[in-house]
Amino acid sequence: MDGIIQIGFFVVLLAIGLFAGRANEQRHFRQLAADEEDLRDIAVSSDRGAAAAGSVRNAALVVGSVVIAEDYFKRVAASLKSLIGGNIMSYESLLERGRREAIVRMKKEARRLGATHVVNVRLETASLSEDWRAQRPMFSAEFIAYGTAVTRTP
């Protein structure tokens, strides 16, 4: 009887993770697309020389960071995939969301400063997790986008 309860609990958590996690992820992707469209007037470049390509009135460091964690379904799917190897597609969408969100937050800060461009943009990623000795470690990652916000004179 105890084993049936444990299996039932696992199935319920898996279903919640699948449906709630997928809905949350889709909502986040829609919000990212809307934010990216709203911020498309702020040009972003990884080129260092882009700042010198015109007359710059103001320059300031801007940073956007976010921490994104896996849901229960992603954890189970990744665990199963790790048995046979290959791409863990459930984590690929998590990483894409993190990178895009960090860039959006950086561009929002640039807009708040009145910038028209962000140059010399860099992306950093760090894996954050609970104690890996724990029975069920949680995967989360921090994404940081940073660059120099500049305001070009006409």
N, C-alpha and C. Protein backbone atom coordinates (compact mmCIF):
# COMPACT_ATOMS: atom_id res chain seq x y z
N MET A 1 0.82 -1.20 0.00
CA MET A 1 0.00 0.00 0.00
C MET A 1 0.87 1.26 0.00
N ASP A 2 1.95 1.22 0.78
CA ASP A 2 2.84 2.37 0.87
C ASP A 2 3.50 2.66 -0.48
N GLY A 3 3.84 1.60 -1.22
CA GLY A 3 4.46 1.77 -2.54
C GLY A 3 3.50 2.40 -3.53
N ILE A 4 2.23 2.05 -3.45
CA ILE A 4 1.22 2.61 -4.35
C ILE A 4 1.06 4.11 -4.09
N ILE A 5 1.07 4.50 -2.82
CA ILE A 5 0.96 5.92 -2.46
C ILE A 5 2.16 6.68 -3.01
N GLN A 6 3.35 6.11 -2.89
CA GLN A 6 4.55 6.78 -3.40
C GLN A 6 4.51 6.93 -4.92
N ILE A 7 4.05 5.89 -5.60
CA ILE A 7 3.94 5.96 -7.06
C ILE A 7 2.89 7.00 -7.46
N GLY A 8 1.77 7.00 -6.73
CA GLY A 8 0.72 7.98 -7.01
C GLY A 8 1.22 9.40 -6.79
N PHE A 9 1.97 9.61 -5.71
CA PHE A 9 2.54 10.92 -5.42
C PHE A 9 3.49 11.35 -6.54
N PHE A 10 4.32 10.42 -7.00
CA PHE A 10 5.26 10.70 -8.09
C PHE A 10 4.51 11.08 -9.37
N VAL A 11 3.46 10.36 -9.70
CA VAL A 11 2.69 10.64 -10.92
C VAL A 11 2.01 12.00 -10.82
N VAL A 12 1.47 12.32 -9.65
CA VAL A 12 0.82 13.62 -9.46
C VAL A 12 1.84 14.75 -9.62
N LEU A 13 3.00 14.63 -8.99
CA LEU A 13 4.04 15.65 -9.13
C LEU A 13 4.51 15.77 -10.58
N LEU A 14 4.64 14.65 -11.23
CA LEU A 14 5.06 14.66 -12.64
C LEU A 14 4.03 15.37 -13.51
N ALA A 15 2.75 15.09 -13.29
CA ALA A 15 1.69 15.74 -14.07
C ALA A 15 1.64 17.24 -13.79
N ILE A 16 1.75 17.62 -12.53
CA ILE A 16 1.76 19.05 -12.19
C ILE A 16 2.95 19.73 -12.83
N GLY A 17 4.11 19.09 -12.74
CA GLY A 17 5.31 19.66 -13.36
C GLY A 17 5.17 19.80 -14.85
N LEU A 18 4.59 18.80 -15.49
CA LEU A 18 4.41 18.86 -16.95
C LEU A 18 3.47 19.98 -17.35
N PHE A 19 2.28 20.00 -16.78
CA PHE A 19 1.27 20.97 -17.23
C PHE A 19 1.53 22.39 -16.70
N ALA A 20 1.79 22.51 -15.42
CA ALA A 20 2.05 23.85 -14.86
C ALA A 20 3.37 24.40 -15.37
N GLY A 21 4.38 23.56 -15.44
CA GLY A 21 5.69 24.00 -15.95
C GLY A 21 5.61 24.43 -17.39
N ARG A 22 4.91 23.67 -18.21
CA ARG A 22 4.78 24.02 -19.63
C ARG A 22 4.00 25.32 -19.79
N ALA A 23 2.92 25.48 -19.03
CA ALA A 23 2.12 26.71 -19.11
C ALA A 23 2.94 27.91 -18.67
N ASN A 24 3.69 27.76 -17.59
CA ASN A 24 4.53 28.85 -17.10
C ASN A 24 5.61 29.20 -18.13
N GLU A 25 6.22 28.19 -18.72
CA GLU A 25 7.26 28.43 -19.71
C GLU A 25 6.70 29.13 -20.95
N GLN A 26 5.55 28.68 -21.42
CA GLN A 26 4.93 29.33 -22.59
C GLN A 26 4.55 30.77 -22.29
N ARG A 27 4.03 31.03 -21.09
CA ARG A 27 3.70 32.39 -20.69
C ARG A 27 4.96 33.26 -20.66
N HIS A 28 6.05 32.71 -20.14
CA HIS A 28 7.30 33.45 -20.08
C HIS A 28 7.83 33.76 -21.48
N PHE A 29 7.76 32.79 -22.40
CA PHE A 29 8.20 33.03 -23.78
C PHE A 29 7.36 34.12 -24.44
N ARG A 30 6.04 34.13 -24.20
CA ARG A 30 5.18 35.18 -24.77
C ARG A 30 5.56 36.55 -24.21
N GLN A 31 5.81 36.61 -22.90
CA GLN A 31 6.19 37.88 -22.27
C GLN A 31 7.55 38.34 -22.80
N LEU A 32 8.48 37.42 -22.98
CA LEU A 32 9.79 37.77 -23.53
C LEU A 32 9.65 38.34 -24.94
N ALA A 33 8.82 37.71 -25.76
CA ALA A 33 8.62 38.20 -27.13
C ALA A 33 8.04 39.61 -27.12
N ALA A 34 7.08 39.87 -26.24
CA ALA A 34 6.50 41.21 -26.14
C ALA A 34 7.53 42.23 -25.67
N ASP A 35 8.32 41.86 -24.66
CA ASP A 35 9.36 42.77 -24.16
C ASP A 35 10.42 43.03 -25.22
N GLU A 36 10.82 41.99 -25.94
CA GLU A 36 11.83 42.16 -26.99
C GLU A 36 11.32 43.08 -28.10
N GLU A 37 10.05 42.95 -28.43
CA GLU A 37 9.46 43.83 -29.45
C GLU A 37 9.44 45.28 -28.94
N ASP A 38 9.09 45.47 -27.68
CA ASP A 38 9.04 46.80 -27.10
C ASP A 38 10.43 47.45 -27.03
N LEU A 39 11.46 46.64 -26.88
CA LEU A 39 12.82 47.15 -26.71
C LEU A 39 13.66 47.08 -27.99
N ARG A 40 13.05 46.78 -29.12
CA ARG A 40 13.83 46.59 -30.35
C ARG A 40 14.52 47.85 -30.84
N ASP A 41 14.12 49.02 -30.34
CA ASP A 41 14.78 50.27 -30.74
C ASP A 41 16.14 50.44 -30.09
N ILE A 42 16.46 49.65 -29.08
CA ILE A 42 17.77 49.71 -28.44
C ILE A 42 18.66 48.66 -29.09
N ALA A 43 19.65 49.14 -29.85
CA ALA A 43 20.56 48.23 -30.55
C ALA A 43 21.55 47.62 -29.56
N VAL A 44 21.87 46.35 -29.77
CA VAL A 44 22.80 45.64 -28.91
C VAL A 44 23.90 45.06 -29.78
N SER A 45 25.15 45.21 -29.31
CA SER A 45 26.29 44.70 -30.07
C SER A 45 27.35 44.17 -29.13
N SER A 46 28.00 43.09 -29.52
CA SER A 46 29.11 42.56 -28.74
C SER A 46 30.43 43.21 -29.15
N ASP A 47 30.38 44.07 -30.14
CA ASP A 47 31.57 44.73 -30.69
C ASP A 47 32.05 45.84 -29.76
N ARG A 48 33.33 45.84 -29.45
CA ARG A 48 33.90 46.91 -28.62
C ARG A 48 33.96 48.24 -29.36
N GLY A 49 34.30 48.19 -30.63
CA GLY A 49 34.48 49.40 -31.40
C GLY A 49 33.20 50.12 -31.74
N ALA A 50 32.06 49.51 -31.49
CA ALA A 50 30.79 50.14 -31.82
C ALA A 50 30.59 51.44 -31.06
N ALA A 51 31.15 51.55 -29.87
CA ALA A 51 30.99 52.78 -29.08
C ALA A 51 31.72 53.94 -29.74
N ALA A 52 32.81 53.66 -30.44
CA ALA A 52 33.59 54.72 -31.07
C ALA A 52 33.08 55.07 -32.46
N ALA A 53 32.04 54.39 -32.91
CA ALA A 53 31.54 54.58 -34.27
C ALA A 53 30.66 55.80 -34.42
N GLY A 54 30.71 56.71 -33.53
CA GLY A 54 29.91 57.92 -33.60
C GLY A 54 30.16 58.77 -32.39
N SER A 55 29.46 59.87 -32.31
CA SER A 55 29.62 60.77 -31.18
C SER A 55 28.74 60.29 -30.03
N VAL A 56 29.37 59.98 -28.91
CA VAL A 56 28.67 59.45 -27.75
C VAL A 56 28.50 60.54 -26.71
N ARG A 57 27.27 60.73 -26.27
CA ARG A 57 26.98 61.76 -25.26
C ARG A 57 27.12 61.19 -23.85
N ASN A 58 26.58 60.03 -23.57
CA ASN A 58 26.63 59.41 -22.24
C ASN A 58 27.01 57.94 -22.38
N ALA A 59 27.64 57.39 -21.37
CA ALA A 59 27.97 55.97 -21.34
C ALA A 59 27.86 55.48 -19.90
N ALA A 60 27.30 54.28 -19.74
CA ALA A 60 27.16 53.72 -18.39
C ALA A 60 27.07 52.20 -18.49
N LEU A 61 27.56 51.54 -17.46
CA LEU A 61 27.45 50.09 -17.37
C LEU A 61 26.00 49.72 -17.07
N VAL A 62 25.47 48.76 -17.82
CA VAL A 62 24.12 48.25 -17.53
C VAL A 62 24.21 46.73 -17.37
N VAL A 63 23.39 46.21 -16.49
CA VAL A 63 23.42 44.79 -16.16
C VAL A 63 22.00 44.28 -16.09
N GLY A 64 21.80 43.07 -16.59
CA GLY A 64 20.53 42.37 -16.41
C GLY A 64 20.85 40.97 -15.92
N SER A 65 20.20 40.54 -14.87
CA SER A 65 20.46 39.19 -14.38
C SER A 65 19.15 38.51 -14.00
N VAL A 66 19.18 37.18 -14.07
CA VAL A 66 18.01 36.38 -13.73
C VAL A 66 18.50 35.00 -13.29
N VAL A 67 17.75 34.38 -12.39
CA VAL A 67 18.00 33.00 -12.00
C VAL A 67 16.77 32.21 -12.38
N ILE A 68 16.98 31.14 -13.13
CA ILE A 68 15.87 30.31 -13.58
C ILE A 68 16.10 28.89 -13.05
N ALA A 69 15.06 28.29 -12.49
CA ALA A 69 15.17 26.94 -11.93
C ALA A 69 14.31 25.96 -12.71
N GLU A 70 14.71 24.72 -12.64
CA GLU A 70 13.95 23.67 -13.30
C GLU A 70 12.66 23.38 -12.54
N ASP A 71 11.69 22.80 -13.24
CA ASP A 71 10.51 22.30 -12.56
C ASP A 71 10.67 20.79 -12.39
N TYR A 72 9.74 20.18 -11.70
CA TYR A 72 9.85 18.76 -11.39
C TYR A 72 9.88 17.91 -12.65
N PHE A 73 9.07 18.25 -13.64
CA PHE A 73 9.05 17.47 -14.88
C PHE A 73 10.40 17.54 -15.59
N LYS A 74 10.99 18.72 -15.66
CA LYS A 74 12.30 18.85 -16.30
C LYS A 74 13.35 18.00 -15.58
N ARG A 75 13.25 17.97 -14.25
CA ARG A 75 14.19 17.17 -13.47
C ARG A 75 14.07 15.69 -13.82
N VAL A 76 12.84 15.19 -13.87
CA VAL A 76 12.63 13.78 -14.18
C VAL A 76 13.05 13.48 -15.62
N ALA A 77 12.66 14.35 -16.56
CA ALA A 77 13.02 14.13 -17.96
C ALA A 77 14.54 14.14 -18.14
N ALA A 78 15.22 15.06 -17.47
CA ALA A 78 16.68 15.13 -17.57
C ALA A 78 17.33 13.89 -16.95
N SER A 79 16.78 13.42 -15.85
CA SER A 79 17.32 12.22 -15.21
C SER A 79 17.20 11.02 -16.12
N LEU A 80 16.04 10.89 -16.77
CA LEU A 80 15.85 9.78 -17.70
C LEU A 80 16.78 9.89 -18.91
N LYS A 81 16.92 11.09 -19.44
CA LYS A 81 17.77 11.31 -20.60
C LYS A 81 19.24 11.06 -20.27
N SER A 82 19.64 11.36 -19.04
CA SER A 82 21.05 11.17 -18.66
C SER A 82 21.42 9.68 -18.62
N LEU A 83 20.43 8.80 -18.55
CA LEU A 83 20.72 7.37 -18.58
C LEU A 83 21.24 6.92 -19.94
N ILE A 84 20.74 7.57 -21.01
CA ILE A 84 21.14 7.14 -22.35
C ILE A 84 22.03 8.16 -23.06
N GLY A 85 22.12 9.37 -22.51
CA GLY A 85 22.97 10.40 -23.11
C GLY A 85 22.26 11.18 -24.19
N GLY A 86 22.91 12.23 -24.65
CA GLY A 86 22.36 13.07 -25.71
C GLY A 86 21.91 14.42 -25.19
N ASN A 87 21.32 15.20 -26.09
CA ASN A 87 20.84 16.54 -25.72
C ASN A 87 19.69 16.42 -24.73
N ILE A 88 19.74 17.27 -23.72
CA ILE A 88 18.64 17.34 -22.76
C ILE A 88 17.79 18.54 -23.16
N MET A 89 16.85 18.29 -24.06
CA MET A 89 16.07 19.37 -24.65
C MET A 89 15.24 20.13 -23.63
N SER A 90 14.84 19.47 -22.56
CA SER A 90 14.04 20.16 -21.54
C SER A 90 14.85 21.27 -20.88
N TYR A 91 16.16 21.12 -20.81
CA TYR A 91 17.01 22.17 -20.25
C TYR A 91 17.36 23.24 -21.28
N GLU A 92 17.33 22.89 -22.56
CA GLU A 92 17.67 23.87 -23.59
C GLU A 92 16.70 25.05 -23.56
N SER A 93 15.41 24.79 -23.38
CA SER A 93 14.44 25.88 -23.31
C SER A 93 14.66 26.72 -22.05
N LEU A 94 15.05 26.08 -20.95
CA LEU A 94 15.35 26.81 -19.72
C LEU A 94 16.52 27.76 -19.94
N LEU A 95 17.55 27.30 -20.63
CA LEU A 95 18.72 28.14 -20.90
C LEU A 95 18.38 29.28 -21.86
N GLU A 96 17.56 29.00 -22.87
CA GLU A 96 17.14 30.06 -23.80
C GLU A 96 16.36 31.15 -23.07
N ARG A 97 15.44 30.74 -22.21
CA ARG A 97 14.67 31.72 -21.43
C ARG A 97 15.58 32.58 -20.57
N GLY A 98 16.56 31.96 -19.94
CA GLY A 98 17.47 32.70 -19.08
C GLY A 98 18.28 33.73 -19.83
N ARG A 99 18.84 33.34 -20.97
CA ARG A 99 19.64 34.28 -21.76
C ARG A 99 18.79 35.44 -22.25
N ARG A 100 17.62 35.13 -22.79
CA ARG A 100 16.76 36.19 -23.33
C ARG A 100 16.29 37.13 -22.23
N GLU A 101 15.93 36.59 -21.07
CA GLU A 101 15.45 37.43 -19.96
C GLU A 101 16.56 38.35 -19.47
N ALA A 102 17.78 37.85 -19.37
CA ALA A 102 18.90 38.69 -18.92
C ALA A 102 19.13 39.85 -19.89
N ILE A 103 19.04 39.59 -21.19
CA ILE A 103 19.23 40.65 -22.19
C ILE A 103 18.09 41.67 -22.11
N VAL A 104 16.87 41.18 -21.94
CA VAL A 104 15.72 42.10 -21.81
C VAL A 104 15.91 43.00 -20.59
N ARG A 105 16.31 42.44 -19.48
CA ARG A 105 16.49 43.25 -18.27
C ARG A 105 17.62 44.28 -18.45
N MET A 106 18.69 43.88 -19.15
CA MET A 106 19.78 44.81 -19.42
C MET A 106 19.28 45.96 -20.30
N LYS A 107 18.50 45.63 -21.33
CA LYS A 107 17.98 46.67 -22.22
C LYS A 107 17.00 47.59 -21.50
N LYS A 108 16.21 47.05 -20.57
CA LYS A 108 15.31 47.89 -19.78
C LYS A 108 16.09 48.90 -18.95
N GLU A 109 17.20 48.46 -18.38
CA GLU A 109 18.04 49.39 -17.62
C GLU A 109 18.63 50.45 -18.55
N ALA A 110 19.05 50.03 -19.74
CA ALA A 110 19.59 51.00 -20.70
C ALA A 110 18.52 52.03 -21.08
N ARG A 111 17.30 51.57 -21.30
CA ARG A 111 16.21 52.50 -21.63
C ARG A 111 15.96 53.48 -20.48
N ARG A 112 15.99 52.98 -19.26
CA ARG A 112 15.79 53.84 -18.09
C ARG A 112 16.83 54.96 -18.04
N LEU A 113 18.03 54.66 -18.54
CA LEU A 113 19.10 55.66 -18.58
C LEU A 113 19.04 56.54 -19.82
N GLY A 114 18.10 56.25 -20.73
CA GLY A 114 17.96 57.04 -21.94
C GLY A 114 18.92 56.64 -23.05
N ALA A 115 19.49 55.46 -22.97
CA ALA A 115 20.46 55.00 -23.96
C ALA A 115 19.78 54.57 -25.25
N THR A 116 20.52 54.65 -26.33
CA THR A 116 20.03 54.20 -27.64
C THR A 116 20.70 52.92 -28.08
N HIS A 117 21.85 52.59 -27.49
CA HIS A 117 22.62 51.40 -27.85
C HIS A 117 23.23 50.78 -26.60
N VAL A 118 23.49 49.48 -26.67
CA VAL A 118 24.31 48.81 -25.65
C VAL A 118 25.41 48.09 -26.41
N VAL A 119 26.65 48.47 -26.12
CA VAL A 119 27.79 47.91 -26.84
C VAL A 119 28.66 47.09 -25.90
N ASN A 120 29.53 46.29 -26.50
CA ASN A 120 30.45 45.43 -25.75
C ASN A 120 29.67 44.51 -24.81
N VAL A 121 28.57 43.95 -25.30
CA VAL A 121 27.70 43.10 -24.49
C VAL A 121 28.35 41.74 -24.26
N ARG A 122 28.27 41.28 -23.03
CA ARG A 122 28.78 39.98 -22.65
C ARG A 122 27.70 39.22 -21.89
N LEU A 123 27.71 37.91 -22.04
CA LEU A 123 26.78 37.04 -21.31
C LEU A 123 27.59 36.09 -20.45
N GLU A 124 27.17 35.95 -19.22
CA GLU A 124 27.80 35.01 -18.29
C GLU A 124 26.72 34.08 -17.76
N THR A 125 27.10 32.85 -17.53
CA THR A 125 26.18 31.87 -16.98
C THR A 125 26.86 31.15 -15.83
N ALA A 126 26.13 30.95 -14.76
CA ALA A 126 26.65 30.20 -13.62
C ALA A 126 25.60 29.20 -13.19
N SER A 127 26.03 28.00 -12.89
CA SER A 127 25.13 26.98 -12.40
C SER A 127 25.01 27.12 -10.90
N LEU A 128 23.79 27.23 -10.43
CA LEU A 128 23.51 27.31 -9.00
C LEU A 128 22.71 26.09 -8.63
N SER A 129 23.01 25.51 -7.52
CA SER A 129 22.24 24.33 -7.13
C SER A 129 22.31 24.15 -5.62
N GLU A 130 21.43 23.32 -5.15
CA GLU A 130 21.48 22.94 -3.75
C GLU A 130 22.68 22.01 -3.57
N ASP A 131 22.87 21.54 -2.39
CA ASP A 131 23.96 20.61 -2.08
C ASP A 131 23.83 19.37 -2.98
N TRP A 132 24.85 19.12 -3.78
CA TRP A 132 24.80 17.98 -4.71
C TRP A 132 24.82 16.64 -3.98
N ARG A 133 25.12 16.64 -2.70
CA ARG A 133 25.07 15.40 -1.93
C ARG A 133 23.64 15.07 -1.55
N ALA A 134 22.74 16.04 -1.74
CA ALA A 134 21.33 15.81 -1.40
C ALA A 134 20.76 14.74 -2.33
N GLN A 135 19.69 14.13 -1.89
CA GLN A 135 19.10 13.05 -2.66
C GLN A 135 18.55 13.54 -4.00
N ARG A 136 17.96 14.74 -4.02
CA ARG A 136 17.39 15.27 -5.25
C ARG A 136 17.86 16.71 -5.44
N PRO A 137 19.04 16.89 -6.02
CA PRO A 137 19.52 18.27 -6.21
C PRO A 137 18.65 19.01 -7.23
N MET A 138 18.53 20.30 -7.04
CA MET A 138 17.74 21.15 -7.93
C MET A 138 18.69 21.90 -8.84
N PHE A 139 18.38 21.92 -10.12
CA PHE A 139 19.20 22.66 -11.06
C PHE A 139 18.63 24.06 -11.24
N SER A 140 19.47 25.04 -11.11
CA SER A 140 19.10 26.40 -11.44
C SER A 140 20.34 27.07 -12.01
N ALA A 141 20.11 28.08 -12.82
CA ALA A 141 21.22 28.77 -13.45
C ALA A 141 20.99 30.27 -13.39
N GLU A 142 22.08 30.99 -13.19
CA GLU A 142 22.03 32.45 -13.20
C GLU A 142 22.59 32.92 -14.53
N PHE A 143 21.92 33.87 -15.11
CA PHE A 143 22.34 34.46 -16.38
C PHE A 143 22.55 35.95 -16.15
N ILE A 144 23.69 36.45 -16.58
CA ILE A 144 23.98 37.87 -16.45
C ILE A 144 24.37 38.39 -17.82
N ALA A 145 23.71 39.45 -18.24
CA ALA A 145 24.06 40.17 -19.47
C ALA A 145 24.52 41.55 -19.03
N TYR A 146 25.67 41.99 -19.56
CA TYR A 146 26.15 43.32 -19.20
C TYR A 146 26.83 43.95 -20.40
N GLY A 147 26.83 45.26 -20.41
CA GLY A 147 27.44 46.00 -21.49
C GLY A 147 27.47 47.48 -21.16
N THR A 148 27.90 48.26 -22.13
CA THR A 148 27.98 49.70 -21.96
C THR A 148 26.83 50.36 -22.70
N ALA A 149 25.95 51.00 -21.95
CA ALA A 149 24.83 51.72 -22.55
C ALA A 149 25.35 53.09 -23.00
N VAL A 150 25.08 53.42 -24.24
CA VAL A 150 25.53 54.70 -24.77
C VAL A 150 24.37 55.45 -25.40
N THR A 151 24.47 56.75 -25.35
CA THR A 151 23.50 57.61 -26.02
C THR A 151 24.27 58.35 -27.11
N ARG A 152 23.86 58.11 -28.32
CA ARG A 152 24.54 58.74 -29.46
C ARG A 152 23.90 60.08 -29.75
N THR A 153 24.72 61.03 -30.12
CA THR A 153 24.17 62.33 -30.55
C THR A 153 23.78 62.21 -32.01
N PRO A 154 22.74 62.93 -32.42
CA PRO A 154 22.26 62.82 -33.80
C PRO A 154 23.27 63.39 -34.80
